[in-house]
PDB file of N, CA and C in Angstrom:
ATOM      1  N   MET A   1     -81.590  87.641  24.777  1.00  0.00           N
ATOM      2  CA  MET A   1     -82.538  87.538  25.881  1.00  0.00           C
ATOM      3  C   MET A   1     -81.792  87.156  27.158  1.00  0.00           C
ATOM      4  N   THR A   2     -81.919  87.965  28.163  1.00  0.00           N
ATOM      5  CA  THR A   2     -81.208  87.673  29.404  1.00  0.00           C
ATOM      6  C   THR A   2     -81.931  86.572  30.175  1.00  0.00           C
ATOM      7  N   ASN A   3     -81.226  86.083  31.192  1.00  0.00           N
ATOM      8  CA  ASN A   3     -81.792  85.027  32.028  1.00  0.00           C
ATOM      9  C   ASN A   3     -83.054  85.507  32.734  1.00  0.00           C
ATOM     10  N   GLN A   4     -83.008  86.755  33.211  1.00  0.00           N
ATOM     11  CA  GLN A   4     -84.157  87.315  33.933  1.00  0.00           C
ATOM     12  C   GLN A   4     -85.367  87.451  33.001  1.00  0.00           C
ATOM     13  N   ALA A   5     -85.109  87.951  31.786  1.00  0.00           N
ATOM     14  CA  ALA A   5     -86.213  88.115  30.836  1.00  0.00           C
ATOM     15  C   ALA A   5     -86.799  86.757  30.443  1.00  0.00           C
ATOM     16  N   LEU A   6     -85.928  85.763  30.295  1.00  0.00           N
ATOM     17  CA  LEU A   6     -86.372  84.415  29.957  1.00  0.00           C
ATOM     18  C   LEU A   6     -87.263  83.865  31.069  1.00  0.00           C
ATOM     19  N   PHE A   7     -86.833  84.104  32.329  1.00  0.00           N
ATOM     20  CA  PHE A   7     -87.625  83.623  33.461  1.00  0.00           C
ATOM     21  C   PHE A   7     -88.983  84.307  33.506  1.00  0.00           C
ATOM     22  N   VAL A   8     -88.985  85.629  33.302  1.00  0.00           N
ATOM     23  CA  VAL A   8     -90.246  86.372  33.342  1.00  0.00           C
ATOM     24  C   VAL A   8     -91.164  85.930  32.200  1.00  0.00           C
ATOM     25  N   ALA A   9     -90.564  85.591  31.041  1.00  0.00           N
ATOM     26  CA  ALA A   9     -91.376  85.152  29.911  1.00  0.00           C
ATOM     27  C   ALA A   9     -92.045  83.814  30.190  1.00  0.00           C
ATOM     28  N   PHE A  10     -91.335  82.900  30.876  1.00  0.00           N
ATOM     29  CA  PHE A  10     -91.897  81.569  31.123  1.00  0.00           C
ATOM     30  C   PHE A  10     -92.595  81.439  32.475  1.00  0.00           C
ATOM     31  N   LEU A  11     -92.532  82.495  33.292  1.00  0.00           N
ATOM     32  CA  LEU A  11     -93.136  82.434  34.626  1.00  0.00           C
ATOM     33  C   LEU A  11     -94.634  82.114  34.600  1.00  0.00           C
ATOM     34  N   PRO A  12     -95.436  82.716  33.719  1.00  0.00           N
ATOM     35  CA  PRO A  12     -96.880  82.427  33.752  1.00  0.00           C
ATOM     36  C   PRO A  12     -97.225  80.966  33.512  1.00  0.00           C
ATOM     37  N   TYR A  13     -96.345  80.220  32.827  1.00  0.00           N
ATOM     38  CA  TYR A  13     -96.672  78.831  32.510  1.00  0.00           C
ATOM     39  C   TYR A  13     -96.566  77.919  33.719  1.00  0.00           C
ATOM     40  N   PHE A  14     -95.663  78.240  34.661  1.00  0.00           N
ATOM     41  CA  PHE A  14     -95.528  77.328  35.796  1.00  0.00           C
ATOM     42  C   PHE A  14     -95.728  78.015  37.140  1.00  0.00           C
ATOM     43  N   SER A  15     -96.334  79.202  37.137  1.00  0.00           N
ATOM     44  CA  SER A  15     -96.509  79.914  38.390  1.00  0.00           C
ATOM     45  C   SER A  15     -97.969  79.878  38.844  1.00  0.00           C
ATOM     46  N   PRO A  16     -98.191  79.490  40.101  1.00  0.00           N
ATOM     47  CA  PRO A  16     -99.565  79.579  40.636  1.00  0.00           C
ATOM     48  C   PRO A  16     -99.962  81.024  40.931  1.00  0.00           C
ATOM     49  N   PHE A  17     -98.966  81.932  40.928  1.00  0.00           N
ATOM     50  CA  PHE A  17     -99.222  83.338  41.238  1.00  0.00           C
ATOM     51  C   PHE A  17     -99.448  84.152  39.963  1.00  0.00           C
ATOM     52  N   TYR A  18    -100.080  83.542  38.984  1.00  0.00           N
ATOM     53  CA  TYR A  18    -100.230  84.187  37.670  1.00  0.00           C
ATOM     54  C   TYR A  18    -101.008  85.503  37.768  1.00  0.00           C
ATOM     55  N   THR A  19    -102.081  85.525  38.560  1.00  0.00           N
ATOM     56  CA  THR A  19    -102.880  86.764  38.664  1.00  0.00           C
ATOM     57  C   THR A  19    -102.085  87.854  39.387  1.00  0.00           C
ATOM     58  N   ILE A  20    -101.367  87.477  40.451  1.00  0.00           N
ATOM     59  CA  ILE A  20    -100.527  88.446  41.165  1.00  0.00           C
ATOM     60  C   ILE A  20     -99.464  88.994  40.219  1.00  0.00           C
ATOM     61  N   TYR A  21     -98.890  88.095  39.427  1.00  0.00           N
ATOM     62  CA  TYR A  21     -97.859  88.474  38.464  1.00  0.00           C
ATOM     63  C   TYR A  21     -98.406  89.492  37.458  1.00  0.00           C
ATOM     64  N   CYS A  22     -99.638  89.251  37.000  1.00  0.00           N
ATOM     65  CA  CYS A  22    -100.243  90.180  36.044  1.00  0.00           C
ATOM     66  C   CYS A  22    -100.506  91.536  36.690  1.00  0.00           C
ATOM     67  N   CYS A  23    -100.890  91.539  37.952  1.00  0.00           N
ATOM     68  CA  CYS A  23    -101.212  92.810  38.614  1.00  0.00           C
ATOM     69  C   CYS A  23     -99.947  93.617  38.918  1.00  0.00           C
ATOM     70  N   PHE A  24     -98.955  92.981  39.503  1.00  0.00           N
ATOM     71  CA  PHE A  24     -97.806  93.731  40.012  1.00  0.00           C
ATOM     72  C   PHE A  24     -96.605  93.760  39.071  1.00  0.00           C
ATOM     73  N   GLY A  25     -96.655  92.992  37.990  1.00  0.00           N
ATOM     74  CA  GLY A  25     -95.636  93.120  36.961  1.00  0.00           C
ATOM     75  C   GLY A  25     -94.340  92.410  37.271  1.00  0.00           C
ATOM     76  N   VAL A  26     -93.269  92.978  36.725  1.00  0.00           N
ATOM     77  CA  VAL A  26     -91.975  92.292  36.704  1.00  0.00           C
ATOM     78  C   VAL A  26     -91.362  92.173  38.100  1.00  0.00           C
ATOM     79  N   SER A  27     -91.635  93.140  38.996  1.00  0.00           N
ATOM     80  CA  SER A  27     -91.010  93.108  40.325  1.00  0.00           C
ATOM     81  C   SER A  27     -91.406  91.850  41.084  1.00  0.00           C
ATOM     82  N   ILE A  28     -92.665  91.454  40.967  1.00  0.00           N
ATOM     83  CA  ILE A  28     -93.131  90.212  41.588  1.00  0.00           C
ATOM     84  C   ILE A  28     -92.406  89.023  40.966  1.00  0.00           C
ATOM     85  N   GLY A  29     -92.202  89.056  39.639  1.00  0.00           N
ATOM     86  CA  GLY A  29     -91.495  87.969  38.974  1.00  0.00           C
ATOM     87  C   GLY A  29     -90.072  87.831  39.485  1.00  0.00           C
ATOM     88  N   VAL A  30     -89.392  88.979  39.652  1.00  0.00           N
ATOM     89  CA  VAL A  30     -88.007  88.948  40.136  1.00  0.00           C
ATOM     90  C   VAL A  30     -87.953  88.447  41.573  1.00  0.00           C
ATOM     91  N   SER A  31     -88.875  88.915  42.423  1.00  0.00           N
ATOM     92  CA  SER A  31     -88.861  88.465  43.815  1.00  0.00           C
ATOM     93  C   SER A  31     -89.207  86.984  43.910  1.00  0.00           C
ATOM     94  N   LEU A  32     -90.139  86.528  43.068  1.00  0.00           N
ATOM     95  CA  LEU A  32     -90.465  85.100  43.039  1.00  0.00           C
ATOM     96  C   LEU A  32     -89.252  84.291  42.619  1.00  0.00           C
ATOM     97  N   ARG A  33     -88.514  84.820  41.635  1.00  0.00           N
ATOM     98  CA  ARG A  33     -87.316  84.101  41.190  1.00  0.00           C
ATOM     99  C   ARG A  33     -86.312  83.981  42.333  1.00  0.00           C
ATOM    100  N   LYS A  34     -86.152  85.071  43.101  1.00  0.00           N
ATOM    101  CA  LYS A  34     -85.221  85.023  44.241  1.00  0.00           C
ATOM    102  C   LYS A  34     -85.694  84.003  45.277  1.00  0.00           C
ATOM    103  N   ILE A  35     -86.997  83.990  45.546  1.00  0.00           N
ATOM    104  CA  ILE A  35     -87.547  83.025  46.516  1.00  0.00           C
ATOM    105  C   ILE A  35     -87.324  81.601  46.024  1.00  0.00           C
ATOM    106  N   ILE A  36     -87.605  81.363  44.739  1.00  0.00           N
ATOM    107  CA  ILE A  36     -87.449  80.022  44.175  1.00  0.00           C
ATOM    108  C   ILE A  36     -85.988  79.594  44.220  1.00  0.00           C
ATOM    109  N   LEU A  37     -85.076  80.529  43.862  1.00  0.00           N
ATOM    110  CA  LEU A  37     -83.643  80.205  43.865  1.00  0.00           C
ATOM    111  C   LEU A  37     -83.156  79.882  45.272  1.00  0.00           C
ATOM    112  N   THR A  38     -83.534  80.710  46.268  1.00  0.00           N
ATOM    113  CA  THR A  38     -83.054  80.451  47.640  1.00  0.00           C
ATOM    114  C   THR A  38     -83.632  79.145  48.172  1.00  0.00           C
ATOM    115  N   ALA A  39     -84.902  78.866  47.867  1.00  0.00           N
ATOM    116  CA  ALA A  39     -85.504  77.609  48.308  1.00  0.00           C
ATOM    117  C   ALA A  39     -84.799  76.420  47.652  1.00  0.00           C
ATOM    118  N   GLY A  40     -84.514  76.555  46.361  1.00  0.00           N
ATOM    119  CA  GLY A  40     -83.823  75.474  45.656  1.00  0.00           C
ATOM    120  C   GLY A  40     -82.437  75.224  46.216  1.00  0.00           C
ATOM    121  N   VAL A  41     -81.717  76.304  46.511  1.00  0.00           N
ATOM    122  CA  VAL A  41     -80.366  76.152  47.065  1.00  0.00           C
ATOM    123  C   VAL A  41     -80.423  75.499  48.437  1.00  0.00           C
ATOM    124  N   SER A  42     -81.355  75.935  49.286  1.00  0.00           N
ATOM    125  CA  SER A  42     -81.435  75.356  50.627  1.00  0.00           C
ATOM    126  C   SER A  42     -81.833  73.884  50.573  1.00  0.00           C
ATOM    127  N   ILE A  43     -82.760  73.545  49.660  1.00  0.00           N
ATOM    128  CA  ILE A  43     -83.179  72.146  49.530  1.00  0.00           C
ATOM    129  C   ILE A  43     -82.019  71.287  49.043  1.00  0.00           C
ATOM    130  N   SER A  44     -81.258  71.795  48.057  1.00  0.00           N
ATOM    131  CA  SER A  44     -80.145  71.000  47.528  1.00  0.00           C
ATOM    132  C   SER A  44     -79.053  70.837  48.576  1.00  0.00           C
ATOM    133  N   VAL A  45     -78.800  71.894  49.370  1.00  0.00           N
ATOM    134  CA  VAL A  45     -77.780  71.795  50.421  1.00  0.00           C
ATOM    135  C   VAL A  45     -78.199  70.780  51.471  1.00  0.00           C
ATOM    136  N   SER A  46     -79.482  70.825  51.872  1.00  0.00           N
ATOM    137  CA  SER A  46     -79.937  69.869  52.889  1.00  0.00           C
ATOM    138  C   SER A  46     -79.910  68.444  52.338  1.00  0.00           C
ATOM    139  N   TYR A  47     -80.255  68.270  51.067  1.00  0.00           N
ATOM    140  CA  TYR A  47     -80.217  66.943  50.447  1.00  0.00           C
ATOM    141  C   TYR A  47     -78.783  66.419  50.404  1.00  0.00           C
ATOM    142  N   PHE A  48     -77.839  67.323  50.056  1.00  0.00           N
ATOM    143  CA  PHE A  48     -76.436  66.928  50.007  1.00  0.00           C
ATOM    144  C   PHE A  48     -75.934  66.537  51.392  1.00  0.00           C
ATOM    145  N   SER A  49     -76.334  67.291  52.430  1.00  0.00           N
ATOM    146  CA  SER A  49     -75.881  66.963  53.778  1.00  0.00           C
ATOM    147  C   SER A  49     -76.467  65.633  54.251  1.00  0.00           C
ATOM    148  N   VAL A  50     -77.717  65.359  53.866  1.00  0.00           N
ATOM    149  CA  VAL A  50     -78.317  64.064  54.219  1.00  0.00           C
ATOM    150  C   VAL A  50     -77.559  62.930  53.538  1.00  0.00           C
ATOM    151  N   LEU A  51     -77.225  63.125  52.253  1.00  0.00           N
ATOM    152  CA  LEU A  51     -76.462  62.109  51.531  1.00  0.00           C
ATOM    153  C   LEU A  51     -75.099  61.883  52.185  1.00  0.00           C
ATOM    154  N   LEU A  52     -74.439  62.991  52.561  1.00  0.00           N
ATOM    155  CA  LEU A  52     -73.128  62.890  53.196  1.00  0.00           C
ATOM    156  C   LEU A  52     -73.241  62.146  54.522  1.00  0.00           C
ATOM    157  N   PHE A  53     -74.267  62.478  55.318  1.00  0.00           N
ATOM    158  CA  PHE A  53     -74.477  61.816  56.609  1.00  0.00           C
ATOM    159  C   PHE A  53     -74.726  60.322  56.409  1.00  0.00           C
ATOM    160  N   LYS A  54     -75.533  59.979  55.389  1.00  0.00           N
ATOM    161  CA  LYS A  54     -75.804  58.567  55.119  1.00  0.00           C
ATOM    162  C   LYS A  54     -74.537  57.835  54.694  1.00  0.00           C
ATOM    163  N   ASN A  55     -73.703  58.505  53.892  1.00  0.00           N
ATOM    164  CA  ASN A  55     -72.472  57.871  53.432  1.00  0.00           C
ATOM    165  C   ASN A  55     -71.479  57.674  54.566  1.00  0.00           C
ATOM    166  N   ILE A  56     -71.477  58.588  55.554  1.00  0.00           N
ATOM    167  CA  ILE A  56     -70.526  58.444  56.662  1.00  0.00           C
ATOM    168  C   ILE A  56     -71.040  57.425  57.679  1.00  0.00           C
ATOM    169  N   PHE A  57     -72.283  57.606  58.140  1.00  0.00           N
ATOM    170  CA  PHE A  57     -72.782  56.799  59.260  1.00  0.00           C
ATOM    171  C   PHE A  57     -73.825  55.759  58.855  1.00  0.00           C
ATOM    172  N   GLY A  58     -74.196  55.726  57.585  1.00  0.00           N
ATOM    173  CA  GLY A  58     -75.282  54.845  57.170  1.00  0.00           C
ATOM    174  C   GLY A  58     -74.861  53.398  57.060  1.00  0.00           C
ATOM    175  N   SER A  59     -75.766  52.606  56.516  1.00  0.00           N
ATOM    176  CA  SER A  59     -75.509  51.168  56.379  1.00  0.00           C
ATOM    177  C   SER A  59     -74.372  50.913  55.393  1.00  0.00           C
ATOM    178  N   ASP A  60     -74.303  51.755  54.341  1.00  0.00           N
ATOM    179  CA  ASP A  60     -73.193  51.625  53.395  1.00  0.00           C
ATOM    180  C   ASP A  60     -71.892  52.047  54.055  1.00  0.00           C
ATOM    181  N   GLY A  61     -71.896  53.261  54.621  1.00  0.00           N
ATOM    182  CA  GLY A  61     -70.720  53.764  55.314  1.00  0.00           C
ATOM    183  C   GLY A  61     -69.489  53.818  54.423  1.00  0.00           C
ATOM    184  N   ILE A  62     -69.660  54.324  53.199  1.00  0.00           N
ATOM    185  CA  ILE A  62     -68.560  54.312  52.231  1.00  0.00           C
ATOM    186  C   ILE A  62     -67.385  55.137  52.754  1.00  0.00           C
ATOM    187  N   ILE A  63     -67.685  56.346  53.237  1.00  0.00           N
ATOM    188  CA  ILE A  63     -66.609  57.235  53.691  1.00  0.00           C
ATOM    189  C   ILE A  63     -65.962  56.667  54.950  1.00  0.00           C
ATOM    190  N   MET A  64     -66.783  56.104  55.860  1.00  0.00           N
ATOM    191  CA  MET A  64     -66.248  55.530  57.098  1.00  0.00           C
ATOM    192  C   MET A  64     -65.326  54.352  56.767  1.00  0.00           C
ATOM    193  N   ARG A  65     -65.743  53.516  55.820  1.00  0.00           N
ATOM    194  CA  ARG A  65     -64.908  52.389  55.401  1.00  0.00           C
ATOM    195  C   ARG A  65     -63.587  52.868  54.811  1.00  0.00           C
ATOM    196  N   TYR A  66     -63.674  53.925  54.001  1.00  0.00           N
ATOM    197  CA  TYR A  66     -62.475  54.486  53.372  1.00  0.00           C
ATOM    198  C   TYR A  66     -61.518  55.024  54.431  1.00  0.00           C
ATOM    199  N   LEU A  67     -62.057  55.743  55.430  1.00  0.00           N
ATOM    200  CA  LEU A  67     -61.202  56.295  56.496  1.00  0.00           C
ATOM    201  C   LEU A  67     -60.560  55.180  57.313  1.00  0.00           C
ATOM    202  N   ALA A  68     -61.328  54.129  57.594  1.00  0.00           N
ATOM    203  CA  ALA A  68     -60.773  53.007  58.357  1.00  0.00           C
ATOM    204  C   ALA A  68     -59.665  52.319  57.571  1.00  0.00           C
ATOM    205  N   ASP A  69     -59.860  52.182  56.258  1.00  0.00           N
ATOM    206  CA  ASP A  69     -58.848  51.580  55.401  1.00  0.00           C
ATOM    207  C   ASP A  69     -57.586  52.434  55.383  1.00  0.00           C
ATOM    208  N   MET A  70     -57.749  53.754  55.299  1.00  0.00           N
ATOM    209  CA  MET A  70     -56.592  54.660  55.312  1.00  0.00           C
ATOM    210  C   MET A  70     -55.820  54.535  56.633  1.00  0.00           C
ATOM    211  N   ALA A  71     -56.546  54.457  57.750  1.00  0.00           N
ATOM    212  CA  ALA A  71     -55.888  54.341  59.053  1.00  0.00           C
ATOM    213  C   ALA A  71     -55.128  53.018  59.153  1.00  0.00           C
ATOM    214  N   ARG A  72     -55.739  51.941  58.643  1.00  0.00           N
ATOM    215  CA  ARG A  72     -55.072  50.638  58.665  1.00  0.00           C
ATOM    216  C   ARG A  72     -53.795  50.660  57.833  1.00  0.00           C
ATOM    217  N   GLN A  73     -53.867  51.285  56.656  1.00  0.00           N
ATOM    218  CA  GLN A  73     -52.676  51.377  55.806  1.00  0.00           C
ATOM    219  C   GLN A  73     -51.581  52.196  56.471  1.00  0.00           C
ATOM    220  N   ALA A  74     -51.976  53.288  57.151  1.00  0.00           N
ATOM    221  CA  ALA A  74     -50.981  54.124  57.833  1.00  0.00           C
ATOM    222  C   ALA A  74     -50.295  53.340  58.948  1.00  0.00           C
ATOM    223  N   LEU A  75     -51.074  52.548  59.700  1.00  0.00           N
ATOM    224  CA  LEU A  75     -50.480  51.735  60.769  1.00  0.00           C
ATOM    225  C   LEU A  75     -49.517  50.692  60.210  1.00  0.00           C
ATOM    226  N   GLU A  76     -49.911  50.033  59.127  1.00  0.00           N
ATOM    227  CA  GLU A  76     -49.031  49.042  58.503  1.00  0.00           C
ATOM    228  C   GLU A  76     -47.742  49.695  58.008  1.00  0.00           C
ATOM    229  N   TYR A  77     -47.871  50.885  57.444  1.00  0.00           N
ATOM    230  CA  TYR A  77     -46.700  51.604  56.937  1.00  0.00           C
ATOM    231  C   TYR A  77     -45.746  51.954  58.074  1.00  0.00           C
ATOM    232  N   ARG A  78     -46.302  52.400  59.210  1.00  0.00           N
ATOM    233  CA  ARG A  78     -45.446  52.735  60.365  1.00  0.00           C
ATOM    234  C   ARG A  78     -44.756  51.501  60.910  1.00  0.00           C
ATOM    235  N   ARG A  79     -45.476  50.374  60.953  1.00  0.00           N
ATOM    236  CA  ARG A  79     -44.869  49.132  61.441  1.00  0.00           C
ATOM    237  C   ARG A  79     -43.729  48.697  60.525  1.00  0.00           C
ATOM    238  N   ARG A  80     -43.947  48.793  59.212  1.00  0.00           N
ATOM    239  CA  ARG A  80     -42.906  48.417  58.254  1.00  0.00           C
ATOM    240  C   ARG A  80     -41.699  49.330  58.370  1.00  0.00           C
ATOM    241  N   ARG A  81     -41.919  50.619  58.560  1.00  0.00           N
ATOM    242  CA  ARG A  81     -40.807  51.566  58.667  1.00  0.00           C
ATOM    243  C   ARG A  81     -39.982  51.294  59.919  1.00  0.00           C
ATOM    244  N   ARG A  82     -40.652  50.897  60.995  1.00  0.00           N
ATOM    245  CA  ARG A  82     -39.949  50.665  62.254  1.00  0.00           C
ATOM    246  C   ARG A  82     -39.027  49.449  62.148  1.00  0.00           C
ATOM    247  N   ARG A  83     -39.480  48.413  61.419  1.00  0.00           N
ATOM    248  CA  ARG A  83     -38.699  47.183  61.322  1.00  0.00           C
ATOM    249  C   ARG A  83     -37.497  47.300  60.393  1.00  0.00           C
ATOM    250  N   ARG A  84     -37.580  48.231  59.422  1.00  0.00           N
ATOM    251  CA  ARG A  84     -36.546  48.311  58.401  1.00  0.00           C
ATOM    252  C   ARG A  84     -35.232  48.820  59.003  1.00  0.00           C
ATOM    253  N   ILE A  85     -34.117  48.153  58.672  1.00  0.00           N
ATOM    254  CA  ILE A  85     -32.796  48.540  59.158  1.00  0.00           C
ATOM    255  C   ILE A  85     -32.143  49.436  58.106  1.00  0.00           C
ATOM    256  N   HIS A  86     -31.492  50.467  58.582  1.00  0.00           N
ATOM    257  CA  HIS A  86     -30.856  51.406  57.666  1.00  0.00           C
ATOM    258  C   HIS A  86     -29.720  50.715  56.919  1.00  0.00           C
ATOM    259  N   PRO A  87     -29.599  50.953  55.595  1.00  0.00           N
ATOM    260  CA  PRO A  87     -28.565  50.260  54.809  1.00  0.00           C
ATOM    261  C   PRO A  87     -27.143  50.569  55.282  1.00  0.00           C
ATOM    262  N   LEU A  88     -26.894  51.769  55.795  1.00  0.00           N
ATOM    263  CA  LEU A  88     -25.540  52.128  56.251  1.00  0.00           C
ATOM    264  C   LEU A  88     -25.189  51.454  57.578  1.00  0.00           C
ATOM    265  N   ALA A  89     -26.210  51.032  58.322  1.00  0.00           N
ATOM    266  CA  ALA A  89     -25.940  50.362  59.592  1.00  0.00           C
ATOM    267  C   ALA A  89     -25.359  48.970  59.354  1.00  0.00           C
ATOM    268  N   LEU A  90     -25.633  48.360  58.205  1.00  0.00           N
ATOM    269  CA  LEU A  90     -25.112  47.030  57.896  1.00  0.00           C
ATOM    270  C   LEU A  90     -23.656  47.093  57.427  1.00  0.00           C
ATOM    271  N   ALA A  91     -23.212  48.227  56.888  1.00  0.00           N
ATOM    272  CA  ALA A  91     -21.870  48.327  56.307  1.00  0.00           C
ATOM    273  C   ALA A  91     -20.787  48.370  57.375  1.00  0.00           C
TER     274      ALA A  91
END
């Protein structure tokens, strides 16, 4: 049983368009599946972007904290490198 056939088989149980589905057949089922899939993808993408925005600029600011920590470590590393004397310069 393919994915499409499985969807068409279970469509009447959760579709409000059951009468339309009965009248127009499988083509309506396939188009409904495409509509449902595109809506689901757009909703998940927008939800993910909201989560990302909250993590960067929100009260938690996990990503912002991580970036600030990385910048601080890079500055400390540069300061340490500048102070270090080359071993051959002492010889």
